[in-house]
Every structure is written in structure tokens, then in C-alpha cells.
């Protein structure tokens, strides 16, 4: 059981790390798209940024759901 718990914790940390990376890249693209870019490039950057932020939310939600709703083997 200890190995299984360690595996779950490692998976949760990895998902949270990826969620953070996706959010950071999404925010940077959003800032660049809204301030620096012009024309079609700006809209493309903003759309990609929104998609990355939504993907970050989904990955973070999956990591949290696995933690909160995990099945305990002790029951």
C-alpha cells in the first residue's frame, strides 16, 4: 500500500506541476496577445492562451479530484 500511496502522490504532484506550467504559459501569451501583438496574431495568441488556461484548470481539477475522491483500501 505504501508504494501505491507514493505513486498517487507523485502523480498528483506531476499533474499540479503541469497545471502550473500551462497556466503560466497561458498567462504570458494572454498578456503578450493583449498588449504587444497586433491583428490576427493577437487573436490567435489570445485564443491559444484561453485554451491553455482551460487545460490547466482541467488538469488541476483532475489532480484534486483524485486526492479528494480516492478509494481507500481500508474500508
PDB file of N, CA and C in Angstrom:
ATOM      1  N   UNK A   1       0.808  -1.194   0.000  1.00  0.00           N
ATOM      2  CA  UNK A   1       0.000   0.000   0.000  1.00  0.00           C
ATOM      3  C   UNK A   1       0.852   1.260   0.000  1.00  0.00           C
ATOM      4  N   UNK A   2       2.003   1.202   0.635  1.00  0.00           N
ATOM      5  CA  UNK A   2       2.853   2.385   0.703  1.00  0.00           C
ATOM      6  C   UNK A   2       3.339   2.799  -0.690  1.00  0.00           C
ATOM      7  N   UNK A   3       3.621   1.824  -1.517  1.00  0.00           N
ATOM      8  CA  UNK A   3       4.049   2.130  -2.881  1.00  0.00           C
ATOM      9  C   UNK A   3       2.935   2.762  -3.685  1.00  0.00           C
ATOM     10  N   UNK A   4       1.717   2.290  -3.455  1.00  0.00           N
ATOM     11  CA  UNK A   4       0.567   2.839  -4.157  1.00  0.00           C
ATOM     12  C   UNK A   4       0.314   4.286  -3.741  1.00  0.00           C
ATOM     13  N   UNK A   5       0.448   4.582  -2.452  1.00  0.00           N
ATOM     14  CA  UNK A   5       0.270   5.953  -1.966  1.00  0.00           C
ATOM     15  C   UNK A   5       1.353   6.868  -2.522  1.00  0.00           C
ATOM     16  N   UNK A   6       2.578   6.381  -2.575  1.00  0.00           N
ATOM     17  CA  UNK A   6       3.675   7.184  -3.124  1.00  0.00           C
ATOM     18  C   UNK A   6       3.449   7.457  -4.604  1.00  0.00           C
ATOM     19  N   UNK A   7       2.935   6.452  -5.315  1.00  0.00           N
ATOM     20  CA  UNK A   7       2.646   6.618  -6.739  1.00  0.00           C
ATOM     21  C   UNK A   7       1.544   7.653  -6.939  1.00  0.00           C
ATOM     22  N   UNK A   8       0.503   7.610  -6.111  1.00  0.00           N
ATOM     23  CA  UNK A   8      -0.583   8.590  -6.210  1.00  0.00           C
ATOM     24  C   UNK A   8      -0.083   9.999  -5.933  1.00  0.00           C
ATOM     25  N   UNK A   9       0.755  10.117  -4.915  1.00  0.00           N
ATOM     26  CA  UNK A   9       1.285  11.437  -4.557  1.00  0.00           C
ATOM     27  C   UNK A   9       2.173  11.980  -5.682  1.00  0.00           C
ATOM     28  N   UNK A  10       2.976  11.118  -6.269  1.00  0.00           N
ATOM     29  CA  UNK A  10       3.846  11.551  -7.371  1.00  0.00           C
ATOM     30  C   UNK A  10       3.012  11.971  -8.582  1.00  0.00           C
ATOM     31  N   UNK A  11       1.964  11.227  -8.869  1.00  0.00           N
ATOM     32  CA  UNK A  11       1.091  11.568  -9.986  1.00  0.00           C
ATOM     33  C   UNK A  11       0.390  12.892  -9.734  1.00  0.00           C
ATOM     34  N   UNK A  12      -0.076  13.096  -8.508  1.00  0.00           N
ATOM     35  CA  UNK A  12      -0.751  14.344  -8.160  1.00  0.00           C
ATOM     36  C   UNK A  12       0.200  15.533  -8.293  1.00  0.00           C
ATOM     37  N   UNK A  13       1.432  15.385  -7.790  1.00  0.00           N
ATOM     38  CA  UNK A  13       2.412  16.471  -7.896  1.00  0.00           C
ATOM     39  C   UNK A  13       2.754  16.767  -9.348  1.00  0.00           C
ATOM     40  N   UNK A  14       2.882  15.714 -10.149  1.00  0.00           N
ATOM     41  CA  UNK A  14       3.208  15.900 -11.575  1.00  0.00           C
ATOM     42  C   UNK A  14       2.079  16.635 -12.289  1.00  0.00           C
ATOM     43  N   UNK A  15       0.833  16.261 -11.989  1.00  0.00           N
ATOM     44  CA  UNK A  15      -0.300  16.943 -12.622  1.00  0.00           C
ATOM     45  C   UNK A  15      -0.389  18.399 -12.184  1.00  0.00           C
ATOM     46  N   UNK A  16      -0.132  18.653 -10.904  1.00  0.00           N
ATOM     47  CA  UNK A  16      -0.161  20.030 -10.432  1.00  0.00           C
ATOM     48  C   UNK A  16       0.959  20.855 -11.052  1.00  0.00           C
ATOM     49  N   UNK A  17       2.117  20.246 -11.252  1.00  0.00           N
ATOM     50  CA  UNK A  17       3.214  20.936 -11.921  1.00  0.00           C
ATOM     51  C   UNK A  17       2.839  21.294 -13.348  1.00  0.00           C
ATOM     52  N   UNK A  18       2.266  20.350 -14.081  1.00  0.00           N
ATOM     53  CA  UNK A  18       1.852  20.620 -15.455  1.00  0.00           C
ATOM     54  C   UNK A  18       0.754  21.675 -15.504  1.00  0.00           C
ATOM     55  N   UNK A  19      -0.159  21.635 -14.543  1.00  0.00           N
ATOM     56  CA  UNK A  19      -1.208  22.658 -14.496  1.00  0.00           C
ATOM     57  C   UNK A  19      -0.590  24.036 -14.291  1.00  0.00           C
ATOM     58  N   UNK A  20       0.414  24.127 -13.449  1.00  0.00           N
ATOM     59  CA  UNK A  20       1.090  25.396 -13.225  1.00  0.00           C
ATOM     60  C   UNK A  20       1.828  25.887 -14.447  1.00  0.00           C
ATOM     61  N   UNK A  21       2.495  24.974 -15.128  1.00  0.00           N
ATOM     62  CA  UNK A  21       3.230  25.354 -16.350  1.00  0.00           C
ATOM     63  C   UNK A  21       2.255  25.828 -17.424  1.00  0.00           C
ATOM     64  N   UNK A  22       1.152  25.100 -17.610  1.00  0.00           N
ATOM     65  CA  UNK A  22       0.156  25.504 -18.606  1.00  0.00           C
ATOM     66  C   UNK A  22      -0.436  26.864 -18.265  1.00  0.00           C
ATOM     67  N   UNK A  23      -0.715  27.097 -16.985  1.00  0.00           N
ATOM     68  CA  UNK A  23      -1.282  28.377 -16.577  1.00  0.00           C
ATOM     69  C   UNK A  23      -0.291  29.512 -16.802  1.00  0.00           C
ATOM     70  N   UNK A  24       0.956  29.274 -16.478  1.00  0.00           N
ATOM     71  CA  UNK A  24       1.974  30.316 -16.660  1.00  0.00           C
ATOM     72  C   UNK A  24       2.140  30.669 -18.137  1.00  0.00           C
ATOM     73  N   UNK A  25       2.244  29.666 -18.983  1.00  0.00           N
ATOM     74  CA  UNK A  25       2.384  29.916 -20.424  1.00  0.00           C
ATOM     75  C   UNK A  25       1.131  30.601 -20.959  1.00  0.00           C
ATOM     76  N   UNK A  26      -0.033  30.168 -20.492  1.00  0.00           N
ATOM     77  CA  UNK A  26      -1.280  30.794 -20.923  1.00  0.00           C
ATOM     78  C   UNK A  26      -1.360  32.255 -20.529  1.00  0.00           C
ATOM     79  N   UNK A  27      -0.945  32.576 -19.308  1.00  0.00           N
ATOM     80  CA  UNK A  27      -0.975  33.967 -18.868  1.00  0.00           C
ATOM     81  C   UNK A  27       0.016  34.833 -19.640  1.00  0.00           C
ATOM     82  N   UNK A  28       1.201  34.288 -19.914  1.00  0.00           N
ATOM     83  CA  UNK A  28       2.186  35.046 -20.694  1.00  0.00           C
ATOM     84  C   UNK A  28       1.652  35.312 -22.101  1.00  0.00           C
ATOM     85  N   UNK A  29       1.076  34.290 -22.721  1.00  0.00           N
ATOM     86  CA  UNK A  29       0.509  34.501 -24.060  1.00  0.00           C
ATOM     87  C   UNK A  29      -0.641  35.489 -24.035  1.00  0.00           C
ATOM     88  N   UNK A  30      -1.441  35.436 -22.988  1.00  0.00           N
ATOM     89  CA  UNK A  30      -2.561  36.370 -22.881  1.00  0.00           C
ATOM     90  C   UNK A  30      -2.069  37.805 -22.745  1.00  0.00           C
ATOM     91  N   UNK A  31      -1.055  38.009 -21.935  1.00  0.00           N
ATOM     92  CA  UNK A  31      -0.503  39.356 -21.761  1.00  0.00           C
ATOM     93  C   UNK A  31       0.117  39.858 -23.062  1.00  0.00           C
ATOM     94  N   UNK A  32       0.887  39.000 -23.723  1.00  0.00           N
ATOM     95  CA  UNK A  32       1.512  39.405 -24.993  1.00  0.00           C
ATOM     96  C   UNK A  32       0.437  39.656 -26.043  1.00  0.00           C
ATOM     97  N   UNK A  33      -0.577  38.788 -26.089  1.00  0.00           N
ATOM     98  CA  UNK A  33      -1.638  38.963 -27.075  1.00  0.00           C
ATOM     99  C   UNK A  33      -2.443  40.229 -26.878  1.00  0.00           C
ATOM    100  N   UNK A  34      -2.609  40.633 -25.618  1.00  0.00           N
ATOM    101  CA  UNK A  34      -3.410  41.824 -25.351  1.00  0.00           C
ATOM    102  C   UNK A  34      -2.613  43.122 -25.404  1.00  0.00           C
ATOM    103  N   UNK A  35      -1.299  43.050 -25.230  1.00  0.00           N
ATOM    104  CA  UNK A  35      -0.519  44.288 -25.164  1.00  0.00           C
ATOM    105  C   UNK A  35       0.387  44.506 -26.368  1.00  0.00           C
ATOM    106  N   UNK A  36       1.116  43.492 -26.800  1.00  0.00           N
ATOM    107  CA  UNK A  36       2.150  43.674 -27.810  1.00  0.00           C
ATOM    108  C   UNK A  36       1.684  43.302 -29.208  1.00  0.00           C
ATOM    109  N   UNK A  37       1.047  42.141 -29.329  1.00  0.00           N
ATOM    110  CA  UNK A  37       0.685  41.636 -30.654  1.00  0.00           C
ATOM    111  C   UNK A  37      -0.403  42.498 -31.289  1.00  0.00           C
ATOM    112  N   UNK A  38      -0.465  42.410 -32.613  1.00  0.00           N
ATOM    113  CA  UNK A  38      -1.407  43.234 -33.355  1.00  0.00           C
ATOM    114  C   UNK A  38      -2.064  42.390 -34.433  1.00  0.00           C
ATOM    115  N   UNK A  39      -3.319  42.635 -34.698  1.00  0.00           N
ATOM    116  CA  UNK A  39      -4.020  41.979 -35.787  1.00  0.00           C
ATOM    117  C   UNK A  39      -4.402  40.553 -35.473  1.00  0.00           C
ATOM    118  N   UNK A  40      -4.245  39.712 -36.489  1.00  0.00           N
ATOM    119  CA  UNK A  40      -4.646  38.312 -36.381  1.00  0.00           C
ATOM    120  C   UNK A  40      -3.778  37.568 -35.374  1.00  0.00           C
ATOM    121  N   UNK A  41      -2.514  37.912 -35.293  1.00  0.00           N
ATOM    122  CA  UNK A  41      -1.615  37.249 -34.345  1.00  0.00           C
ATOM    123  C   UNK A  41      -2.090  37.442 -32.914  1.00  0.00           C
ATOM    124  N   UNK A  42      -2.617  38.598 -32.619  1.00  0.00           N
ATOM    125  CA  UNK A  42      -3.109  38.870 -31.272  1.00  0.00           C
ATOM    126  C   UNK A  42      -4.289  37.970 -30.944  1.00  0.00           C
ATOM    127  N   UNK A  43      -5.206  37.837 -31.878  1.00  0.00           N
ATOM    128  CA  UNK A  43      -6.376  36.981 -31.639  1.00  0.00           C
ATOM    129  C   UNK A  43      -5.980  35.521 -31.498  1.00  0.00           C
ATOM    130  N   UNK A  44      -5.021  35.084 -32.308  1.00  0.00           N
ATOM    131  CA  UNK A  44      -4.551  33.701 -32.213  1.00  0.00           C
ATOM    132  C   UNK A  44      -3.893  33.464 -30.857  1.00  0.00           C
ATOM    133  N   UNK A  45      -3.072  34.402 -30.415  1.00  0.00           N
ATOM    134  CA  UNK A  45      -2.418  34.254 -29.114  1.00  0.00           C
ATOM    135  C   UNK A  45      -3.431  34.246 -27.978  1.00  0.00           C
ATOM    136  N   UNK A  46      -4.434  35.091 -28.061  1.00  0.00           N
ATOM    137  CA  UNK A  46      -5.446  35.134 -27.007  1.00  0.00           C
ATOM    138  C   UNK A  46      -6.243  33.838 -26.985  1.00  0.00           C
ATOM    139  N   UNK A  47      -6.608  33.320 -28.131  1.00  0.00           N
ATOM    140  CA  UNK A  47      -7.350  32.052 -28.173  1.00  0.00           C
ATOM    141  C   UNK A  47      -6.520  30.887 -27.650  1.00  0.00           C
ATOM    142  N   UNK A  48      -5.248  30.835 -28.027  1.00  0.00           N
ATOM    143  CA  UNK A  48      -4.365  29.781 -27.525  1.00  0.00           C
ATOM    144  C   UNK A  48      -4.185  29.928 -26.016  1.00  0.00           C
ATOM    145  N   UNK A  49      -4.075  31.151 -25.543  1.00  0.00           N
ATOM    146  CA  UNK A  49      -3.929  31.394 -24.108  1.00  0.00           C
ATOM    147  C   UNK A  49      -5.158  30.921 -23.355  1.00  0.00           C
ATOM    148  N   UNK A  50      -6.331  31.202 -23.869  1.00  0.00           N
ATOM    149  CA  UNK A  50      -7.566  30.752 -23.216  1.00  0.00           C
ATOM    150  C   UNK A  50      -7.636  29.237 -23.198  1.00  0.00           C
ATOM    151  N   UNK A  51      -7.262  28.598 -24.298  1.00  0.00           N
ATOM    152  CA  UNK A  51      -7.253  27.126 -24.334  1.00  0.00           C
ATOM    153  C   UNK A  51      -6.266  26.550 -23.319  1.00  0.00           C
ATOM    154  N   UNK A  52      -5.099  27.167 -23.197  1.00  0.00           N
ATOM    155  CA  UNK A  52      -4.113  26.692 -22.221  1.00  0.00           C
ATOM    156  C   UNK A  52      -4.608  26.881 -20.788  1.00  0.00           C
ATOM    157  N   UNK A  53      -5.266  27.988 -20.519  1.00  0.00           N
ATOM    158  CA  UNK A  53      -5.798  28.217 -19.178  1.00  0.00           C
ATOM    159  C   UNK A  53      -6.910  27.232 -18.839  1.00  0.00           C
ATOM    160  N   UNK A  54      -7.748  26.910 -19.805  1.00  0.00           N
ATOM    161  CA  UNK A  54      -8.803  25.915 -19.577  1.00  0.00           C
ATOM    162  C   UNK A  54      -8.179  24.532 -19.371  1.00  0.00           C
ATOM    163  N   UNK A  55      -7.171  24.199 -20.168  1.00  0.00           N
ATOM    164  CA  UNK A  55      -6.484  22.913 -19.996  1.00  0.00           C
ATOM    165  C   UNK A  55      -5.812  22.837 -18.630  1.00  0.00           C
ATOM    166  N   UNK A  56      -5.250  23.937 -18.183  1.00  0.00           N
ATOM    167  CA  UNK A  56      -4.638  23.980 -16.857  1.00  0.00           C
ATOM    168  C   UNK A  56      -5.676  23.721 -15.776  1.00  0.00           C
ATOM    169  N   UNK A  57      -6.840  24.327 -15.911  1.00  0.00           N
ATOM    170  CA  UNK A  57      -7.909  24.118 -14.940  1.00  0.00           C
ATOM    171  C   UNK A  57      -8.349  22.656 -14.915  1.00  0.00           C
ATOM    172  N   UNK A  58      -8.474  22.053 -16.084  1.00  0.00           N
ATOM    173  CA  UNK A  58      -8.911  20.654 -16.163  1.00  0.00           C
ATOM    174  C   UNK A  58      -7.873  19.735 -15.511  1.00  0.00           C
ATOM    175  N   UNK A  59      -6.602  19.947 -15.801  1.00  0.00           N
ATOM    176  CA  UNK A  59      -5.555  19.108 -15.216  1.00  0.00           C
ATOM    177  C   UNK A  59      -5.521  19.280 -13.699  1.00  0.00           C
ATOM    178  N   UNK A  60      -5.665  20.510 -13.241  1.00  0.00           N
ATOM    179  CA  UNK A  60      -5.670  20.762 -11.802  1.00  0.00           C
ATOM    180  C   UNK A  60      -6.894  20.135 -11.142  1.00  0.00           C
ATOM    181  N   UNK A  61      -8.028  20.196 -11.795  1.00  0.00           N
ATOM    182  CA  UNK A  61      -9.245  19.580 -11.272  1.00  0.00           C
ATOM    183  C   UNK A  61      -9.088  18.066 -11.164  1.00  0.00           C
ATOM    184  N   UNK A  62      -8.470  17.455 -12.166  1.00  0.00           N
ATOM    185  CA  UNK A  62      -8.237  16.009 -12.121  1.00  0.00           C
ATOM    186  C   UNK A  62      -7.316  15.631 -10.964  1.00  0.00           C
ATOM    187  N   UNK A  63      -6.294  16.436 -10.742  1.00  0.00           N
ATOM    188  CA  UNK A  63      -5.371  16.159  -9.635  1.00  0.00           C
ATOM    189  C   UNK A  63      -6.086  16.278  -8.300  1.00  0.00           C
ATOM    190  N   UNK A  64      -6.918  17.293  -8.153  1.00  0.00           N
ATOM    191  CA  UNK A  64      -7.648  17.472  -6.899  1.00  0.00           C
ATOM    192  C   UNK A  64      -8.708  16.402  -6.706  1.00  0.00           C
ATOM    193  N   UNK A  65      -9.396  16.046  -7.777  1.00  0.00           N
ATOM    194  CA  UNK A  65     -10.457  15.040  -7.674  1.00  0.00           C
ATOM    195  C   UNK A  65      -9.889  13.699  -7.243  1.00  0.00           C
ATOM    196  N   UNK A  66      -8.726  13.354  -7.773  1.00  0.00           N
ATOM    197  CA  UNK A  66      -8.104  12.093  -7.397  1.00  0.00           C
ATOM    198  C   UNK A  66      -7.731  12.092  -5.917  1.00  0.00           C
ATOM    199  N   UNK A  67      -7.349  13.236  -5.411  1.00  0.00           N
ATOM    200  CA  UNK A  67      -6.981  13.336  -3.996  1.00  0.00           C
ATOM    201  C   UNK A  67      -8.213  13.270  -3.105  1.00  0.00           C
ATOM    202  N   UNK A  68      -9.255  14.002  -3.459  1.00  0.00           N
ATOM    203  CA  UNK A  68     -10.433  14.091  -2.605  1.00  0.00           C
ATOM    204  C   UNK A  68     -11.278  12.834  -2.678  1.00  0.00           C
ATOM    205  N   UNK A  69     -11.457  12.278  -3.865  1.00  0.00           N
ATOM    206  CA  UNK A  69     -12.359  11.154  -4.054  1.00  0.00           C
ATOM    207  C   UNK A  69     -11.664   9.826  -4.244  1.00  0.00           C
ATOM    208  N   UNK A  70     -10.439   9.712  -3.778  1.00  0.00           N
ATOM    209  CA  UNK A  70      -9.715   8.458  -3.965  1.00  0.00           C
ATOM    210  C   UNK A  70     -10.371   7.357  -3.133  1.00  0.00           C
ATOM    211  N   UNK A  71     -10.234   6.144  -3.574  1.00  0.00           N
ATOM    212  CA  UNK A  71     -10.793   4.997  -2.877  1.00  0.00           C
ATOM    213  C   UNK A  71      -9.784   4.486  -1.863  1.00  0.00           C
ATOM    214  N   UNK A  72     -10.194   4.474  -0.630  1.00  0.00           N
ATOM    215  CA  UNK A  72      -9.321   3.946   0.420  1.00  0.00           C
ATOM    216  C   UNK A  72      -9.438   2.432   0.456  1.00  0.00           C
ATOM    217  N   UNK A  73      -8.293   1.776   0.573  1.00  0.00           N
ATOM    218  CA  UNK A  73      -8.290   0.324   0.629  1.00  0.00           C
ATOM    219  C   UNK A  73      -8.662  -0.192   2.023  1.00  0.00           C
ATOM    220  N   UNK A  74      -8.722   0.704   2.994  1.00  0.00           N
ATOM    221  CA  UNK A  74      -9.001   0.287   4.381  1.00  0.00           C
ATOM    222  C   UNK A  74     -10.472   0.018   4.623  1.00  0.00           C
ATOM    223  N   UNK A  75     -11.358   0.458   3.786  1.00  0.00           N
ATOM    224  CA  UNK A  75     -12.801   0.277   4.008  1.00  0.00           C
ATOM    225  C   UNK A  75     -13.228  -1.136   3.826  1.00  0.00           C
TER     226      UNK A  75
END
